[in-house]
Amino acid sequence: MAGCAKKPPRHGRGKEGQTAMEIKMPIKTYGNYLVSIRHGEEENRERCQQLRIRQLSAEEQQKAYKDQGIPGEAMPTHQITFYDFGCKRIIEGKLMENEADRAVFRVKDKDYAFSPFIPKGA
C-alpha cells in the first residue's frame, strides 16, 4: 500500500483573484511550535500545537475591517488558529515577517512570532 500523497503547496490566485501568500515556514499537522507574544517590552513564550494559517479573502477583509474604517496598512491578512494549553485560539493578524524558520503576525498592538519547537536534546 502506497503512502499518503502530500498536498501540493497553494500557488497562484486565491479567492476573488487575489494572489495567495504562501507561508515559507513548514507547518506540520501535529507539530509543536513556539509562540512568542510581544507587547511593548514584555515577551511571553509558550508552546502551541496544531498550528493553522490561512489568508483572509478580500471579501472577509471588506466585511470585517474595511467597513469599520480600518486602514489598509493595519488590516489583518491572515487567520491563525492554534491550541495553547488545550484551548483553541483564533486570531487575525497582519503578516509582518515570512521566513523559513518563523512567521510573525501583528495583532492590534501585539506581535505573535511562531517558530518550530526544537527540544534541547535534538
Protein backbone atom coordinates (compact mmCIF):
# COMPACT_ATOMS: atom_id res chain seq x y z
CA MET A 1 0.00 0.00 0.00
CA ALA A 2 1.42 3.35 -1.04
CA GLY A 3 1.85 6.18 1.48
CA CYS A 4 -0.40 9.20 1.52
CA ALA A 5 0.48 11.80 -1.04
CA LYS A 6 1.34 15.26 0.23
CA LYS A 7 -0.91 18.08 -0.78
CA PRO A 8 0.92 20.44 -3.15
CA PRO A 9 1.55 23.98 -1.88
CA ARG A 10 -1.05 26.53 -2.81
CA HIS A 11 0.21 28.86 -5.51
CA GLY A 12 -1.36 31.28 -7.91
CA ARG A 13 -4.60 33.09 -7.27
CA GLY A 14 -6.77 32.96 -4.18
CA LYS A 15 -10.41 33.94 -3.88
CA GLU A 16 -11.62 36.96 -5.87
CA GLY A 17 -8.43 36.90 -7.97
CA GLN A 18 -6.07 37.97 -5.17
CA THR A 19 -2.62 36.42 -5.11
CA ALA A 20 -2.29 33.67 -2.48
CA MET A 21 0.54 34.30 0.01
CA GLU A 22 2.45 31.13 0.78
CA ILE A 23 3.85 30.86 4.30
CA LYS A 24 7.53 29.83 3.97
CA MET A 25 7.76 28.12 7.37
CA PRO A 26 6.83 24.42 7.10
CA ILE A 27 3.63 23.70 9.04
CA LYS A 28 3.01 20.11 10.11
CA THR A 29 -0.44 18.85 11.09
CA TYR A 30 0.54 17.71 14.57
CA GLY A 31 3.75 19.67 15.04
CA ASN A 32 4.79 21.58 18.14
CA TYR A 33 5.59 25.26 17.81
CA LEU A 34 6.99 28.02 19.97
CA VAL A 35 4.88 31.16 20.05
CA SER A 36 6.45 34.37 21.38
CA ILE A 37 3.92 37.07 22.19
CA ARG A 38 5.46 40.54 22.43
CA HIS A 39 3.67 43.59 23.78
CA GLY A 40 5.96 46.59 24.19
CA GLU A 41 8.92 45.47 26.33
CA GLU A 42 7.12 42.38 27.65
CA GLU A 43 7.52 38.97 25.97
CA ASN A 44 5.86 35.64 26.82
CA ARG A 45 6.93 32.33 25.27
CA GLU A 46 4.67 29.30 25.13
CA ARG A 47 4.33 26.06 23.23
CA CYS A 48 1.41 25.51 20.91
CA GLN A 49 0.12 22.69 18.72
CA GLN A 50 -1.99 22.19 15.60
CA LEU A 51 -0.99 25.49 14.01
CA ARG A 52 -3.11 26.53 11.02
CA ILE A 53 -2.58 29.69 8.98
CA ARG A 54 -4.85 30.83 6.16
CA GLN A 55 -5.02 34.01 4.16
CA LEU A 56 -8.18 36.08 4.55
CA SER A 57 -10.11 36.65 1.33
CA ALA A 58 -10.75 40.18 0.06
CA GLU A 59 -14.43 39.65 0.88
CA GLU A 60 -13.62 38.69 4.50
CA GLN A 61 -11.34 41.71 4.87
CA GLN A 62 -14.00 44.02 3.42
CA LYS A 63 -16.75 42.70 5.66
CA ALA A 64 -14.74 42.60 8.89
CA TYR A 65 -12.32 45.53 8.58
CA LYS A 66 -12.78 47.95 5.66
CA ASP A 67 -16.42 48.54 6.58
CA GLN A 68 -15.23 49.54 10.08
CA GLY A 69 -12.78 52.10 8.68
CA ILE A 70 -9.55 50.24 9.47
CA PRO A 71 -6.79 51.46 7.09
CA GLY A 72 -5.17 49.00 4.66
CA GLU A 73 -1.73 49.08 6.31
CA ALA A 74 -3.21 47.92 9.64
CA MET A 75 -5.70 45.44 8.17
CA PRO A 76 -5.22 41.74 9.10
CA THR A 77 -4.19 39.49 6.21
CA HIS A 78 -4.32 36.03 7.84
CA GLN A 79 -6.33 33.96 10.29
CA ILE A 80 -4.17 31.93 12.69
CA THR A 81 -5.59 29.00 14.67
CA PHE A 82 -3.63 27.08 17.29
CA TYR A 83 -4.02 25.19 20.56
CA ASP A 84 -2.39 26.64 23.66
CA PHE A 85 -2.63 24.56 26.88
CA GLY A 86 -5.55 22.64 25.34
CA CYS A 87 -7.51 25.80 24.47
CA LYS A 88 -8.23 26.67 20.86
CA ARG A 89 -7.17 30.21 19.97
CA ILE A 90 -8.15 32.00 16.79
CA ILE A 91 -6.56 35.33 15.95
CA GLU A 92 -6.44 37.51 12.85
CA GLY A 93 -3.30 39.46 12.13
CA LYS A 94 -1.16 41.13 9.51
CA LEU A 95 1.84 39.14 8.25
CA MET A 96 4.97 41.08 9.23
CA GLU A 97 7.76 38.50 8.69
CA ASN A 98 7.65 35.43 6.46
CA GLU A 99 10.83 33.38 6.86
CA ALA A 100 11.63 29.68 6.50
CA ASP A 101 12.10 29.34 10.29
CA ARG A 102 9.46 31.77 11.59
CA ALA A 103 6.31 33.72 10.80
CA VAL A 104 5.38 36.91 12.66
CA PHE A 105 1.90 38.45 12.75
CA ARG A 106 0.80 41.81 14.19
CA VAL A 107 -2.48 41.55 16.13
CA LYS A 108 -3.53 45.03 17.29
CA ASP A 109 -0.54 46.08 19.44
CA LYS A 110 0.97 42.60 19.93
CA ASP A 111 3.38 40.58 17.78
CA TYR A 112 2.87 36.81 17.58
CA ALA A 113 6.04 35.04 16.38
CA PHE A 114 5.65 31.35 15.50
CA SER A 115 8.62 29.03 15.01
CA PRO A 116 9.08 25.24 15.08
CA PHE A 117 9.70 23.88 18.58
CA ILE A 118 13.08 22.15 18.78
CA PRO A 119 13.73 20.19 22.02
CA LYS A 120 17.04 20.97 23.79
CA GLY A 121 18.36 17.43 23.27
CA ALA A 122 17.78 17.46 19.49
